[in-house]
Each structure stands twice: as C-alpha cells, then as structure tokens.
C-alpha atoms as a PDB file:
ATOM      1  CA  MET A   1     173.454 116.975  76.894  1.00  0.00           C
ATOM      2  CA  LYS A   2     174.847 115.802  73.562  1.00  0.00           C
ATOM      3  CA  PRO A   3     172.528 115.754  70.550  1.00  0.00           C
ATOM      4  CA  LEU A   4     170.238 112.801  69.997  1.00  0.00           C
ATOM      5  CA  ALA A   5     170.271 111.254  66.510  1.00  0.00           C
ATOM      6  CA  ILE A   6     167.119 110.118  64.704  1.00  0.00           C
ATOM      7  CA  THR A   7     167.646 107.941  61.622  1.00  0.00           C
ATOM      8  CA  MET A   8     165.078 108.507  58.869  1.00  0.00           C
ATOM      9  CA  GLY A   9     164.160 104.847  58.285  1.00  0.00           C
ATOM     10  CA  ASP A  10     163.073 103.537  54.905  1.00  0.00           C
ATOM     11  CA  PRO A  11     162.191 106.630  52.844  1.00  0.00           C
ATOM     12  CA  ALA A  12     159.547 104.656  50.927  1.00  0.00           C
ATOM     13  CA  GLY A  13     157.711 104.242  54.235  1.00  0.00           C
ATOM     14  CA  ILE A  14     156.375 106.568  56.907  1.00  0.00           C
ATOM     15  CA  GLY A  15     159.700 107.327  58.619  1.00  0.00           C
ATOM     16  CA  PRO A  16     160.203 110.817  57.140  1.00  0.00           C
ATOM     17  CA  GLU A  17     156.536 111.648  57.787  1.00  0.00           C
ATOM     18  CA  ILE A  18     156.517 110.715  61.460  1.00  0.00           C
ATOM     19  CA  ILE A  19     159.795 112.574  61.946  1.00  0.00           C
ATOM     20  CA  ALA A  20     158.303 115.731  60.426  1.00  0.00           C
ATOM     21  CA  ARG A  21     155.134 115.355  62.493  1.00  0.00           C
ATOM     22  CA  ALA A  22     157.163 114.822  65.670  1.00  0.00           C
ATOM     23  CA  PHE A  23     159.101 118.059  65.119  1.00  0.00           C
ATOM     24  CA  ALA A  24     155.860 119.897  64.385  1.00  0.00           C
ATOM     25  CA  GLN A  25     153.917 118.531  67.360  1.00  0.00           C
ATOM     26  CA  ALA A  26     156.601 118.475  70.042  1.00  0.00           C
ATOM     27  CA  PRO A  27     159.278 121.150  69.489  1.00  0.00           C
ATOM     28  CA  GLU A  28     160.388 121.012  73.128  1.00  0.00           C
ATOM     29  CA  LEU A  29     160.896 117.245  73.045  1.00  0.00           C
ATOM     30  CA  THR A  30     162.670 117.250  69.674  1.00  0.00           C
ATOM     31  CA  ALA A  31     164.949 120.134  70.626  1.00  0.00           C
ATOM     32  CA  GLY A  32     168.532 118.886  70.505  1.00  0.00           C
ATOM     33  CA  CYS A  33     167.703 116.140  67.991  1.00  0.00           C
ATOM     34  CA  VAL A  34     169.314 115.802  64.587  1.00  0.00           C
ATOM     35  CA  VAL A  35     167.944 113.697  61.729  1.00  0.00           C
ATOM     36  CA  ALA A  36     170.405 111.475  59.885  1.00  0.00           C
ATOM     37  CA  GLY A  37     169.348 110.648  56.361  1.00  0.00           C
ATOM     38  CA  ASP A  38     168.625 112.204  53.006  1.00  0.00           C
ATOM     39  CA  LEU A  39     167.477 115.820  52.822  1.00  0.00           C
ATOM     40  CA  ALA A  40     165.203 115.335  49.800  1.00  0.00           C
ATOM     41  CA  CYS A  41     163.462 112.385  51.449  1.00  0.00           C
ATOM     42  CA  ILE A  42     162.891 114.306  54.686  1.00  0.00           C
ATOM     43  CA  ARG A  43     161.531 117.287  52.755  1.00  0.00           C
ATOM     44  CA  ARG A  44     159.128 115.024  50.868  1.00  0.00           C
ATOM     45  CA  GLY A  45     157.913 113.585  54.187  1.00  0.00           C
ATOM     46  CA  ALA A  46     157.385 117.071  55.594  1.00  0.00           C
ATOM     47  CA  ALA A  47     155.391 118.038  52.495  1.00  0.00           C
ATOM     48  CA  ALA A  48     153.196 114.945  52.832  1.00  0.00           C
ATOM     49  CA  VAL A  49     152.410 115.787  56.450  1.00  0.00           C
ATOM     50  CA  ALA A  50     151.652 119.411  55.549  1.00  0.00           C
ATOM     51  CA  GLY A  51     148.856 118.318  53.200  1.00  0.00           C
ATOM     52  CA  GLY A  52     149.114 121.266  50.848  1.00  0.00           C
ATOM     53  CA  ARG A  53     149.996 123.823  53.511  1.00  0.00           C
ATOM     54  CA  PRO A  54     153.547 125.205  53.778  1.00  0.00           C
ATOM     55  CA  PRO A  55     155.670 122.283  55.077  1.00  0.00           C
ATOM     56  CA  LEU A  56     157.838 122.386  58.161  1.00  0.00           C
ATOM     57  CA  ALA A  57     161.200 123.952  57.375  1.00  0.00           C
ATOM     58  CA  THR A  58     164.338 121.832  57.122  1.00  0.00           C
ATOM     59  CA  ALA A  59     167.931 122.929  57.646  1.00  0.00           C
ATOM     60  CA  LEU A  60     170.934 121.097  56.284  1.00  0.00           C
ATOM     61  CA  VAL A  61     173.600 120.907  59.012  1.00  0.00           C
ATOM     62  CA  ASP A  62     177.260 120.021  58.665  1.00  0.00           C
ATOM     63  CA  SER A  63     177.630 118.353  62.076  1.00  0.00           C
ATOM     64  CA  VAL A  64     175.483 117.096  64.936  1.00  0.00           C
ATOM     65  CA  GLN A  65     176.562 120.061  67.051  1.00  0.00           C
ATOM     66  CA  ASP A  66     174.999 122.450  64.530  1.00  0.00           C
ATOM     67  CA  ALA A  67     171.544 121.098  65.385  1.00  0.00           C
ATOM     68  CA  ALA A  68     171.517 123.245  68.518  1.00  0.00           C
ATOM     69  CA  GLN A  69     171.518 126.377  66.347  1.00  0.00           C
ATOM     70  CA  VAL A  70     168.402 125.378  64.395  1.00  0.00           C
ATOM     71  CA  PRO A  71     165.206 127.125  65.595  1.00  0.00           C
ATOM     72  CA  PRO A  72     162.188 125.194  66.923  1.00  0.00           C
ATOM     73  CA  ARG A  73     159.822 123.627  64.345  1.00  0.00           C
ATOM     74  CA  CYS A  74     162.699 123.354  61.912  1.00  0.00           C
ATOM     75  CA  ILE A  75     164.161 119.917  61.196  1.00  0.00           C
ATOM     76  CA  PRO A  76     167.982 119.767  61.293  1.00  0.00           C
ATOM     77  CA  VAL A  77     169.106 117.174  58.733  1.00  0.00           C
ATOM     78  CA  LEU A  78     172.587 115.749  58.468  1.00  0.00           C
ATOM     79  CA  GLN A  79     172.999 114.413  54.928  1.00  0.00           C
ATOM     80  CA  VAL A  80     174.336 110.866  55.147  1.00  0.00           C
ATOM     81  CA  GLY A  81     175.888 109.559  51.959  1.00  0.00           C
ATOM     82  CA  ALA A  82     175.330 111.017  48.518  1.00  0.00           C
ATOM     83  CA  ALA A  83     172.151 113.051  48.128  1.00  0.00           C
ATOM     84  CA  ALA A  84     169.368 111.202  46.327  1.00  0.00           C
ATOM     85  CA  ALA A  85     168.577 112.591  42.884  1.00  0.00           C
ATOM     86  CA  ALA A  86     164.931 111.873  43.710  1.00  0.00           C
ATOM     87  CA  PRO A  87     163.312 110.035  46.621  1.00  0.00           C
ATOM     88  CA  PRO A  88     162.328 106.399  46.004  1.00  0.00           C
ATOM     89  CA  PRO A  89     158.649 105.800  45.216  1.00  0.00           C
ATOM     90  CA  TRP A  90     156.282 105.604  48.175  1.00  0.00           C
ATOM     91  CA  GLY A  91     155.074 102.279  49.466  1.00  0.00           C
ATOM     92  CA  ARG A  92     157.294  99.843  47.553  1.00  0.00           C
ATOM     93  CA  VAL A  93     160.243  97.648  48.411  1.00  0.00           C
ATOM     94  CA  ASP A  94     163.135  99.426  46.746  1.00  0.00           C
ATOM     95  CA  GLU A  95     166.832  98.612  46.798  1.00  0.00           C
ATOM     96  CA  ARG A  96     167.746 102.302  46.789  1.00  0.00           C
ATOM     97  CA  ALA A  97     165.453 102.977  49.744  1.00  0.00           C
ATOM     98  CA  GLY A  98     167.017 100.096  51.644  1.00  0.00           C
ATOM     99  CA  ARG A  99     170.481 101.470  50.995  1.00  0.00           C
ATOM    100  CA  LEU A 100     169.549 104.999  52.114  1.00  0.00           C
ATOM    101  CA  ALA A 101     167.990 103.613  55.296  1.00  0.00           C
ATOM    102  CA  ALA A 102     171.009 101.407  56.025  1.00  0.00           C
ATOM    103  CA  GLU A 103     173.480 104.253  55.485  1.00  0.00           C
ATOM    104  CA  ALA A 104     171.639 106.348  58.059  1.00  0.00           C
ATOM    105  CA  VAL A 105     171.639 103.554  60.643  1.00  0.00           C
ATOM    106  CA  LEU A 106     175.304 102.740  60.071  1.00  0.00           C
ATOM    107  CA  TRP A 107     176.199 106.404  60.503  1.00  0.00           C
ATOM    108  CA  GLY A 108     174.066 106.637  63.649  1.00  0.00           C
ATOM    109  CA  ALA A 109     175.605 103.523  65.168  1.00  0.00           C
ATOM    110  CA  SER A 110     179.104 104.823  64.509  1.00  0.00           C
ATOM    111  CA  ALA A 111     178.282 108.254  65.952  1.00  0.00           C
ATOM    112  CA  ALA A 112     176.756 106.727  69.080  1.00  0.00           C
ATOM    113  CA  LEU A 113     179.636 104.300  69.587  1.00  0.00           C
ATOM    114  CA  ARG A 114     182.124 107.179  69.258  1.00  0.00           C
ATOM    115  CA  GLY A 115     180.158 109.166  71.821  1.00  0.00           C
ATOM    116  CA  GLU A 116     179.208 111.959  69.411  1.00  0.00           C
ATOM    117  CA  VAL A 117     175.481 111.574  70.121  1.00  0.00           C
ATOM    118  CA  ALA A 118     173.748 110.802  73.394  1.00  0.00           C
ATOM    119  CA  ALA A 119     171.371 108.211  71.965  1.00  0.00           C
ATOM    120  CA  LEU A 120     170.015 106.750  68.762  1.00  0.00           C
ATOM    121  CA  VAL A 121     166.333 106.663  67.767  1.00  0.00           C
ATOM    122  CA  THR A 122     165.642 104.673  64.619  1.00  0.00           C
ATOM    123  CA  ALA A 123     162.599 105.194  62.399  1.00  0.00           C
ATOM    124  CA  PRO A 124     161.284 101.981  60.804  1.00  0.00           C
ATOM    125  CA  LEU A 125     163.135 100.254  58.009  1.00  0.00           C
ATOM    126  CA  HIS A 126     161.860  97.492  55.731  1.00  0.00           C
ATOM    127  CA  LYS A 127     163.618  94.146  56.046  1.00  0.00           C
ATOM    128  CA  GLU A 128     163.096  93.190  52.394  1.00  0.00           C
ATOM    129  CA  ALA A 129     164.512  96.509  51.210  1.00  0.00           C
ATOM    130  CA  LEU A 130     167.478  96.047  53.536  1.00  0.00           C
ATOM    131  CA  ALA A 131     168.107  92.611  52.029  1.00  0.00           C
ATOM    132  CA  ALA A 132     167.698  94.004  48.493  1.00  0.00           C
ATOM    133  CA  ALA A 133     170.412  96.541  49.318  1.00  0.00           C
ATOM    134  CA  GLY A 134     172.754  93.659  50.165  1.00  0.00           C
ATOM    135  CA  LEU A 135     172.891  93.943  53.943  1.00  0.00           C
ATOM    136  CA  PRO A 136     173.047  90.560  55.706  1.00  0.00           C
ATOM    137  CA  TYR A 137     170.920  91.618  58.684  1.00  0.00           C
ATOM    138  CA  PRO A 138     167.199  90.957  59.225  1.00  0.00           C
ATOM    139  CA  GLY A 139     166.710  94.211  61.112  1.00  0.00           C
ATOM    140  CA  HIS A 140     168.047  97.053  63.222  1.00  0.00           C
ATOM    141  CA  THR A 141     168.847  94.932  66.259  1.00  0.00           C
ATOM    142  CA  GLU A 142     171.181  92.539  64.469  1.00  0.00           C
ATOM    143  CA  LEU A 143     172.837  95.345  62.490  1.00  0.00           C
ATOM    144  CA  LEU A 144     173.542  97.376  65.627  1.00  0.00           C
ATOM    145  CA  GLN A 145     174.814  94.294  67.450  1.00  0.00           C
ATOM    146  CA  ALA A 146     177.292  93.609  64.635  1.00  0.00           C
ATOM    147  CA  GLU A 147     178.474  97.226  64.550  1.00  0.00           C
ATOM    148  CA  ALA A 148     178.908  97.320  68.327  1.00  0.00           C
ATOM    149  CA  ALA A 149     180.854  94.057  68.340  1.00  0.00           C
ATOM    150  CA  ALA A 150     183.138  95.281  65.558  1.00  0.00           C
ATOM    151  CA  HIS A 151     183.686  98.577  67.379  1.00  0.00           C
ATOM    152  CA  ALA A 152     184.629  96.712  70.559  1.00  0.00           C
ATOM    153  CA  GLY A 153     186.808  94.249  68.650  1.00  0.00           C
ATOM    154  CA  VAL A 154     184.946  91.210  69.963  1.00  0.00           C
ATOM    155  CA  ALA A 155     183.146  88.287  68.387  1.00  0.00           C
ATOM    156  CA  LEU A 156     179.412  88.683  67.824  1.00  0.00           C
ATOM    157  CA  GLU A 157     178.559  86.209  70.570  1.00  0.00           C
ATOM    158  CA  ARG A 158     180.474  88.403  73.023  1.00  0.00           C
ATOM    159  CA  MET A 159     177.971  91.210  72.400  1.00  0.00           C
ATOM    160  CA  PRO A 160     174.641  89.620  73.394  1.00  0.00           C
ATOM    161  CA  VAL A 161     171.638  91.887  72.960  1.00  0.00           C
ATOM    162  CA  ARG A 162     167.949  91.562  73.673  1.00  0.00           C
ATOM    163  CA  MET A 163     164.839  93.361  72.473  1.00  0.00           C
ATOM    164  CA  MET A 164     162.522  95.028  74.983  1.00  0.00           C
ATOM    165  CA  LEU A 165     159.097  96.343  74.029  1.00  0.00           C
ATOM    166  CA  ALA A 166     157.599  98.743  76.531  1.00  0.00           C
ATOM    167  CA  ASN A 167     154.673 101.082  77.013  1.00  0.00           C
ATOM    168  CA  ASP A 168     153.167 102.725  80.070  1.00  0.00           C
ATOM    169  CA  GLU A 169     151.397  99.466  81.007  1.00  0.00           C
ATOM    170  CA  LEU A 170     153.721  96.592  80.157  1.00  0.00           C
ATOM    171  CA  ARG A 171     157.341  95.664  79.444  1.00  0.00           C
ATOM    172  CA  THR A 172     158.556  92.464  77.817  1.00  0.00           C
ATOM    173  CA  VAL A 173     162.066  91.221  76.963  1.00  0.00           C
ATOM    174  CA  LEU A 174     162.551  88.505  74.334  1.00  0.00           C
ATOM    175  CA  VAL A 175     164.814  85.449  74.427  1.00  0.00           C
ATOM    176  CA  SER A 176     164.910  85.320  70.597  1.00  0.00           C
ATOM    177  CA  ILE A 177     164.050  87.934  67.992  1.00  0.00           C
ATOM    178  CA  HIS A 178     163.844  87.623  64.194  1.00  0.00           C
ATOM    179  CA  VAL A 179     164.023  83.894  63.563  1.00  0.00           C
ATOM    180  CA  SER A 180     161.494  81.299  62.432  1.00  0.00           C
ATOM    181  CA  LEU A 181     159.247  79.774  65.072  1.00  0.00           C
ATOM    182  CA  ARG A 182     161.096  76.450  64.750  1.00  0.00           C
ATOM    183  CA  GLU A 183     164.423  78.219  65.354  1.00  0.00           C
ATOM    184  CA  ALA A 184     162.876  80.194  68.231  1.00  0.00           C
ATOM    185  CA  ILE A 185     161.929  76.973  70.008  1.00  0.00           C
ATOM    186  CA  GLU A 186     165.440  75.644  69.492  1.00  0.00           C
ATOM    187  CA  ALA A 187     166.797  78.914  70.948  1.00  0.00           C
ATOM    188  CA  VAL A 188     165.146  78.205  74.309  1.00  0.00           C
ATOM    189  CA  THR A 189     168.331  76.923  75.933  1.00  0.00           C
ATOM    190  CA  PHE A 190     169.651  77.311  79.448  1.00  0.00           C
ATOM    191  CA  ALA A 191     172.338  79.728  78.239  1.00  0.00           C
ATOM    192  CA  ASN A 192     169.942  81.926  76.242  1.00  0.00           C
ATOM    193  CA  VAL A 193     167.288  82.125  78.939  1.00  0.00           C
ATOM    194  CA  ARG A 194     169.889  82.796  81.634  1.00  0.00           C
ATOM    195  CA  GLU A 195     171.549  85.517  79.537  1.00  0.00           C
ATOM    196  CA  THR A 196     168.187  87.149  78.862  1.00  0.00           C
ATOM    197  CA  LEU A 197     167.484  87.270  82.596  1.00  0.00           C
ATOM    198  CA  ARG A 198     170.902  88.824  83.235  1.00  0.00           C
ATOM    199  CA  ILE A 199     170.440  91.496  80.577  1.00  0.00           C
ATOM    200  CA  ALA A 200     166.885  92.289  81.686  1.00  0.00           C
ATOM    201  CA  ASP A 201     167.927  92.533  85.334  1.00  0.00           C
ATOM    202  CA  ALA A 202     170.855  94.853  84.579  1.00  0.00           C
ATOM    203  CA  ALA A 203     168.877  97.132  82.242  1.00  0.00           C
ATOM    204  CA  LEU A 204     165.780  97.429  84.420  1.00  0.00           C
ATOM    205  CA  SER A 205     167.882  97.936  87.562  1.00  0.00           C
ATOM    206  CA  ALA A 206     169.418 100.990  85.882  1.00  0.00           C
ATOM    207  CA  MET A 207     166.023 102.267  84.718  1.00  0.00           C
ATOM    208  CA  LEU A 208     164.142 101.721  87.969  1.00  0.00           C
ATOM    209  CA  GLY A 209     166.891 102.329  90.509  1.00  0.00           C
ATOM    210  CA  ARG A 210     166.156  98.947  92.101  1.00  0.00           C
ATOM    211  CA  ARG A 211     166.118  95.306  91.121  1.00  0.00           C
ATOM    212  CA  PRO A 212     163.137  94.533  88.885  1.00  0.00           C
ATOM    213  CA  ARG A 213     160.495  91.925  89.569  1.00  0.00           C
ATOM    214  CA  ILE A 214     160.924  89.628  86.568  1.00  0.00           C
ATOM    215  CA  ALA A 215     158.214  87.199  85.475  1.00  0.00           C
ATOM    216  CA  VAL A 216     159.182  84.392  83.111  1.00  0.00           C
ATOM    217  CA  ALA A 217     156.679  83.092  80.565  1.00  0.00           C
ATOM    218  CA  GLY A 218     156.666  79.397  79.781  1.00  0.00           C
ATOM    219  CA  LEU A 219     157.240  78.181  76.242  1.00  0.00           C
ATOM    220  CA  ASN A 220     154.377  75.687  76.164  1.00  0.00           C
ATOM    221  CA  PRO A 221     150.648  76.022  76.913  1.00  0.00           C
ATOM    222  CA  HIS A 222     150.057  76.262  80.659  1.00  0.00           C
ATOM    223  CA  ALA A 223     153.867  76.435  81.063  1.00  0.00           C
ATOM    224  CA  GLY A 224     154.029  72.745  80.202  1.00  0.00           C
ATOM    225  CA  GLU A 225     151.563  71.592  82.854  1.00  0.00           C
ATOM    226  CA  GLY A 226     154.212  69.645  84.752  1.00  0.00           C
ATOM    227  CA  GLY A 227     155.604  68.050  81.604  1.00  0.00           C
ATOM    228  CA  LEU A 228     152.294  67.033  80.011  1.00  0.00           C
ATOM    229  CA  PHE A 229     152.633  69.570  77.184  1.00  0.00           C
ATOM    230  CA  GLY A 230     156.404  69.730  76.849  1.00  0.00           C
ATOM    231  CA  ARG A 231     159.476  69.479  79.052  1.00  0.00           C
ATOM    232  CA  GLU A 232     161.289  72.742  78.188  1.00  0.00           C
ATOM    233  CA  GLU A 233     160.052  74.372  81.389  1.00  0.00           C
ATOM    234  CA  ILE A 234     161.339  71.525  83.565  1.00  0.00           C
ATOM    235  CA  GLU A 235     164.621  70.876  81.760  1.00  0.00           C
ATOM    236  CA  VAL A 236     165.632  74.375  80.618  1.00  0.00           C
ATOM    237  CA  ILE A 237     163.631  77.302  81.946  1.00  0.00           C
ATOM    238  CA  VAL A 238     163.392  76.364  85.628  1.00  0.00           C
ATOM    239  CA  PRO A 239     167.151  75.630  85.937  1.00  0.00           C
ATOM    240  CA  ALA A 240     167.958  79.001  84.343  1.00  0.00           C
ATOM    241  CA  LEU A 241     165.472  80.712  86.638  1.00  0.00           C
ATOM    242  CA  ARG A 242     166.941  79.093  89.744  1.00  0.00           C
ATOM    243  CA  ASP A 243     170.460  80.028  88.678  1.00  0.00           C
ATOM    244  CA  ALA A 244     169.348  83.651  88.291  1.00  0.00           C
ATOM    245  CA  GLN A 245     167.684  83.568  91.707  1.00  0.00           C
ATOM    246  CA  ALA A 246     170.920  82.259  93.221  1.00  0.00           C
ATOM    247  CA  ALA A 247     172.659  85.307  91.731  1.00  0.00           C
ATOM    248  CA  GLY A 248     170.261  87.592  93.613  1.00  0.00           C
ATOM    249  CA  MET A 249     167.723  88.344  90.894  1.00  0.00           C
ATOM    250  CA  GLU A 250     164.020  88.594  91.727  1.00  0.00           C
ATOM    251  CA  VAL A 251     162.777  86.120  89.154  1.00  0.00           C
ATOM    252  CA  HIS A 252     159.442  84.284  89.223  1.00  0.00           C
ATOM    253  CA  GLY A 253     157.842  81.566  87.112  1.00  0.00           C
ATOM    254  CA  PRO A 254     157.642  80.061  84.626  1.00  0.00           C
ATOM    255  CA  PHE A 255     154.017  81.092  84.309  1.00  0.00           C
ATOM    256  CA  ALA A 256     151.349  80.243  81.756  1.00  0.00           C
ATOM    257  CA  PRO A 257     151.951  82.551  78.780  1.00  0.00           C
ATOM    258  CA  ASP A 258     148.250  83.335  78.412  1.00  0.00           C
ATOM    259  CA  THR A 259     147.963  84.953  81.853  1.00  0.00           C
ATOM    260  CA  VAL A 260     151.401  86.262  82.850  1.00  0.00           C
ATOM    261  CA  PHE A 261     151.114  89.463  80.793  1.00  0.00           C
ATOM    262  CA  MET A 262     147.849  90.377  82.494  1.00  0.00           C
ATOM    263  CA  ARG A 263     149.508  89.913  85.878  1.00  0.00           C
ATOM    264  CA  ALA A 264     152.386  92.178  84.873  1.00  0.00           C
ATOM    265  CA  ARG A 265     149.976  94.773  83.518  1.00  0.00           C
ATOM    266  CA  ARG A 266     148.214  94.840  86.899  1.00  0.00           C
ATOM    267  CA  GLY A 267     151.553  95.692  88.536  1.00  0.00           C
ATOM    268  CA  GLU A 268     152.613  92.360  89.984  1.00  0.00           C
ATOM    269  CA  PHE A 269     155.818  92.348  87.896  1.00  0.00           C
ATOM    270  CA  ASP A 270     158.023  95.003  86.279  1.00  0.00           C
ATOM    271  CA  VAL A 271     158.834  92.991  83.166  1.00  0.00           C
ATOM    272  CA  VAL A 272     157.998  89.691  81.488  1.00  0.00           C
ATOM    273  CA  VAL A 273     160.690  87.610  79.825  1.00  0.00           C
ATOM    274  CA  ALA A 274     159.044  86.010  76.790  1.00  0.00           C
ATOM    275  CA  MET A 275     160.442  82.973  75.021  1.00  0.00           C
ATOM    276  CA  TYR A 276     160.009  84.236  71.446  1.00  0.00           C
ATOM    277  CA  HIS A 277     159.125  87.271  69.328  1.00  0.00           C
ATOM    278  CA  ASP A 278     155.351  87.076  68.905  1.00  0.00           C
ATOM    279  CA  GLN A 279     154.713  85.745  72.398  1.00  0.00           C
ATOM    280  CA  GLY A 280     156.074  88.991  73.812  1.00  0.00           C
ATOM    281  CA  LEU A 281     155.119  91.509  71.133  1.00  0.00           C
ATOM    282  CA  ILE A 282     151.455  90.659  70.618  1.00  0.00           C
ATOM    283  CA  PRO A 283     150.337  91.713  74.126  1.00  0.00           C
ATOM    284  CA  VAL A 284     152.339  94.962  74.000  1.00  0.00           C
ATOM    285  CA  LYS A 285     151.109  95.889  70.535  1.00  0.00           C
ATOM    286  CA  TYR A 286     147.543  94.972  71.404  1.00  0.00           C
ATOM    287  CA  LEU A 287     147.641  97.728  74.012  1.00  0.00           C
ATOM    288  CA  GLY A 288     148.362 100.190  71.194  1.00  0.00           C
ATOM    289  CA  VAL A 289     151.337 100.610  68.881  1.00  0.00           C
ATOM    290  CA  GLU A 290     151.078 104.372  69.330  1.00  0.00           C
ATOM    291  CA  LYS A 291     152.338 103.938  72.911  1.00  0.00           C
ATOM    292  CA  GLY A 292     154.974 101.258  72.370  1.00  0.00           C
ATOM    293  CA  VAL A 293     158.734 101.700  72.315  1.00  0.00           C
ATOM    294  CA  ASN A 294     161.394  99.198  71.295  1.00  0.00           C
ATOM    295  CA  VAL A 295     164.603  99.371  73.348  1.00  0.00           C
ATOM    296  CA  THR A 296     167.691  97.328  72.483  1.00  0.00           C
ATOM    297  CA  LEU A 297     169.256  96.044  75.688  1.00  0.00           C
ATOM    298  CA  GLY A 298     172.905  95.001  75.991  1.00  0.00           C
ATOM    299  CA  LEU A 299     174.423  97.507  73.543  1.00  0.00           C
ATOM    300  CA  PRO A 300     177.119 100.006  74.627  1.00  0.00           C
ATOM    301  CA  LEU A 301     174.771 102.746  73.378  1.00  0.00           C
ATOM    302  CA  VAL A 302     171.184 103.839  73.911  1.00  0.00           C
ATOM    303  CA  ARG A 303     168.883 102.809  71.065  1.00  0.00           C
ATOM    304  CA  THR A 304     165.101 103.079  70.919  1.00  0.00           C
ATOM    305  CA  SER A 305     162.569 102.931  68.110  1.00  0.00           C
ATOM    306  CA  PRO A 306     158.826 103.124  67.472  1.00  0.00           C
ATOM    307  CA  ASP A 307     156.788  99.968  67.965  1.00  0.00           C
ATOM    308  CA  HIS A 308     155.608  99.718  64.348  1.00  0.00           C
ATOM    309  CA  GLY A 309     156.869  99.195  60.832  1.00  0.00           C
ATOM    310  CA  THR A 310     157.125 101.176  57.623  1.00  0.00           C
ATOM    311  CA  ALA A 311     153.352 101.160  56.924  1.00  0.00           C
ATOM    312  CA  PHE A 312     153.751 101.126  53.156  1.00  0.00           C
ATOM    313  CA  ASP A 313     149.958 101.101  52.783  1.00  0.00           C
ATOM    314  CA  ILE A 314     149.663 104.691  54.052  1.00  0.00           C
ATOM    315  CA  ALA A 315     153.105 106.036  53.151  1.00  0.00           C
ATOM    316  CA  GLY A 316     152.914 109.431  51.487  1.00  0.00           C
ATOM    317  CA  THR A 317     149.353 110.135  52.587  1.00  0.00           C
ATOM    318  CA  GLY A 318     150.253 112.236  55.630  1.00  0.00           C
ATOM    319  CA  GLN A 319     148.131 110.007  57.902  1.00  0.00           C
ATOM    320  CA  ALA A 320     150.982 108.492  59.914  1.00  0.00           C
ATOM    321  CA  ASP A 321     150.827 108.921  63.693  1.00  0.00           C
ATOM    322  CA  ALA A 322     154.050 110.091  65.374  1.00  0.00           C
ATOM    323  CA  SER A 323     153.018 109.057  68.912  1.00  0.00           C
ATOM    324  CA  SER A 324     155.262 105.993  69.111  1.00  0.00           C
ATOM    325  CA  LEU A 325     158.235 107.930  67.737  1.00  0.00           C
ATOM    326  CA  LEU A 326     157.669 110.646  70.340  1.00  0.00           C
ATOM    327  CA  GLU A 327     157.627 107.989  73.063  1.00  0.00           C
ATOM    328  CA  ALA A 328     160.857 106.548  71.646  1.00  0.00           C
ATOM    329  CA  ILE A 329     162.513 109.989  71.768  1.00  0.00           C
ATOM    330  CA  ARG A 330     161.266 110.499  75.315  1.00  0.00           C
ATOM    331  CA  MET A 331     162.575 107.082  76.376  1.00  0.00           C
ATOM    332  CA  ALA A 332     165.957 107.670  74.696  1.00  0.00           C
ATOM    333  CA  LYS A 333     166.383 110.988  76.501  1.00  0.00           C
ATOM    334  CA  GLN A 334     165.428 109.335  79.776  1.00  0.00           C
ATOM    335  CA  LEU A 335     167.951 106.518  79.329  1.00  0.00           C
ATOM    336  CA  ALA A 336     170.640 108.986  78.248  1.00  0.00           C
ATOM    337  CA  GLY A 337     169.988 111.062  81.353  1.00  0.00           C
ATOM    338  CA  GLY A 338     168.338 114.029  79.749  1.00  0.00           C
ATOM    339  CA  ALA A 339     164.644 113.724  80.590  1.00  0.00           C
ATOM    340  CA  GLN A 340     162.284 112.447  83.239  1.00  0.00           C
ATOM    341  CA  PRO A 341     160.477 109.184  82.489  1.00  0.00           C
ATOM    342  CA  ARG A 342     156.760 108.703  82.258  1.00  0.00           C
ATOM    343  CA  PRO A 343     155.278 106.785  85.219  1.00  0.00           C
ATOM    344  CA  ALA A 344     156.393 103.167  85.151  1.00  0.00           C
ATOM    345  CA  PRO A 345     153.761 100.465  84.834  1.00  0.00           C
END
C-alpha cells in the first residue's frame, strides 16, 4: 500500500500534539504514514506531549516513500515549504500558522491527486488563521474541492462534495456545510438534496458492499407537519426523495429531525442525510468527539479528519486526546483498501 499522508494542521493548535501522541500510542496503525508540515512545529508538539520526558523522535524524510524506512515510534516528517525559524505561538490566531497549515494541505491534496499517497488525513486547521493567510476558503472541504476541480480541469460545480461525520454508532451526510443558517435554508433545493442522496448512496455502497438505508431529516420541526411549519418538505425534499427512489436508492423520510438520529443509532438506517451543518453534527459530536471522523465524499481522493477543531485553549499543554485522529487514520486506511473497518453501526 502507498504511504498515507497526515497534514499537521494549524501549528498554533493541537494538531502537532495529537499527531505525536498517535505515533506514540499506535505504532502499528501509524506505520506507513508520513506527516506533511513543518519539522520544528512537529518537534514542539512532540515535546509538549512528552511533558518533560524525552520526546518521540522525528525523522526528516525527502520523499513519502522514505517513510517506510523510519522505525516505529519515530515520526517521519516531510518538510513542506520553507522551514519556520520558530513555531508560531500556541493558542492564537496567527497568519503564519495559517500559511503553514495551508501549505501542508495544498501539498497533501496535490500528492493524493497525483496518486503518490493512498489517502489524506488532515489535522485541524483554524478558519480565521486560514483567512488571515489570504486563502479564500472557509475550511478543508472547500479547499480540497477547489484543488480537485482544478486538477480535473472542471468548474467547481462539476466537483460536488459532501461532508460525512461518522462514529461507531451514527453516520450523517450534510446537504450544506460552512454557510450561515440563512444560506443553509436557501441551499435546501431539489438539486442539492438530490445530489446529496446520490453522493451518499455511492459512497456508502462502496463502504458497505451493499446499498445503504438512507434516512432523510426534514428541515422544519416535525418535518413540517404536513405544511403547518413550512413547505420545504412537501415542495423540495419529498420530490428529491422520490426521484432518488426511482433511481433504485433505498431512501426513507423525511422524518422529524429530533428523532431520526435516534432511529439510525438503533440500527434502523445506515446514514442520515441532514439538511444543514449543525443539524447533522450535533448528534454525532454529542456521542463523543473522540470517536468521530469527518470524511469528505465526492472527491477523487480519500480524505478523513478528526471530528474536532484546533482547541486553542489547551494547545501546548500536552492534554490533547488523539483518539479521533486515530479513528480518522483507521478510516482512511479502510477506504484506501489497507485495513479492516471497525463494526458498522
């Protein structure tokens, strides 16, 4: 199997720390992984995790292939861009940190699109730092979508992507991602809902080896209650659902948003299609961010990430938990064909 690339995330946050902890805790799982980022920042993260003890060793590699020669419990780091004279300060929005994080993601996207790495796992970046560095993207998903579209030579709208959050109890796929709530409501169109169902069906079919049972959450309370609380279900969501059913998909709903996630968690459905960001992410994160994994669906590459942010409040303290990153690595290897999945919910 080709190497798997892990981008360091925002170096002012916990990305370098959770990477170091992951290599220390799970050498078998991290074998064959290479970290893309800044060597000094990764070494500082390893020192923070060590808490005064000798930190985990790091090895500067010249190519992703060299990672295979690095011994266990040693972090292979591919220096991306010019080496930082000193890491940015912990826990603060910093233009330099945003630039270092972006350079790592851009390198990782390019390497994955060229087929040099089997998959891409991205440690958290900070959206404000990304903006301060001059990048016009609100997050990883939009950046990777733009890079993939440019690589394929197609317009952005020809590279539709969706965000899936998953743990061992629940999966949810979102119709819209990082937009205001007003814009998210406007994004509930026949085309967007139908495309989300198509992407979810294709991705989960590949993961499960069969067509998934897809539940669709309504936009309004009680899924509109027959039009009493809004007509989006009647005029938009149900037509998209019926069109997907006519195409052979096993799609059900729309269901009341306050109960559909419980039904999926009990095993009635394989995935819930949520109408907007918080509707889908709150139930998954409530079950524990240490178990959650973000998967970008629709890209011509495998990309996963932890289900949490940069945690500036604890950055540099060595307290950060690597569990979600380890799950993201496990999921990436599974999707790339190199590891067995955990039991599906």
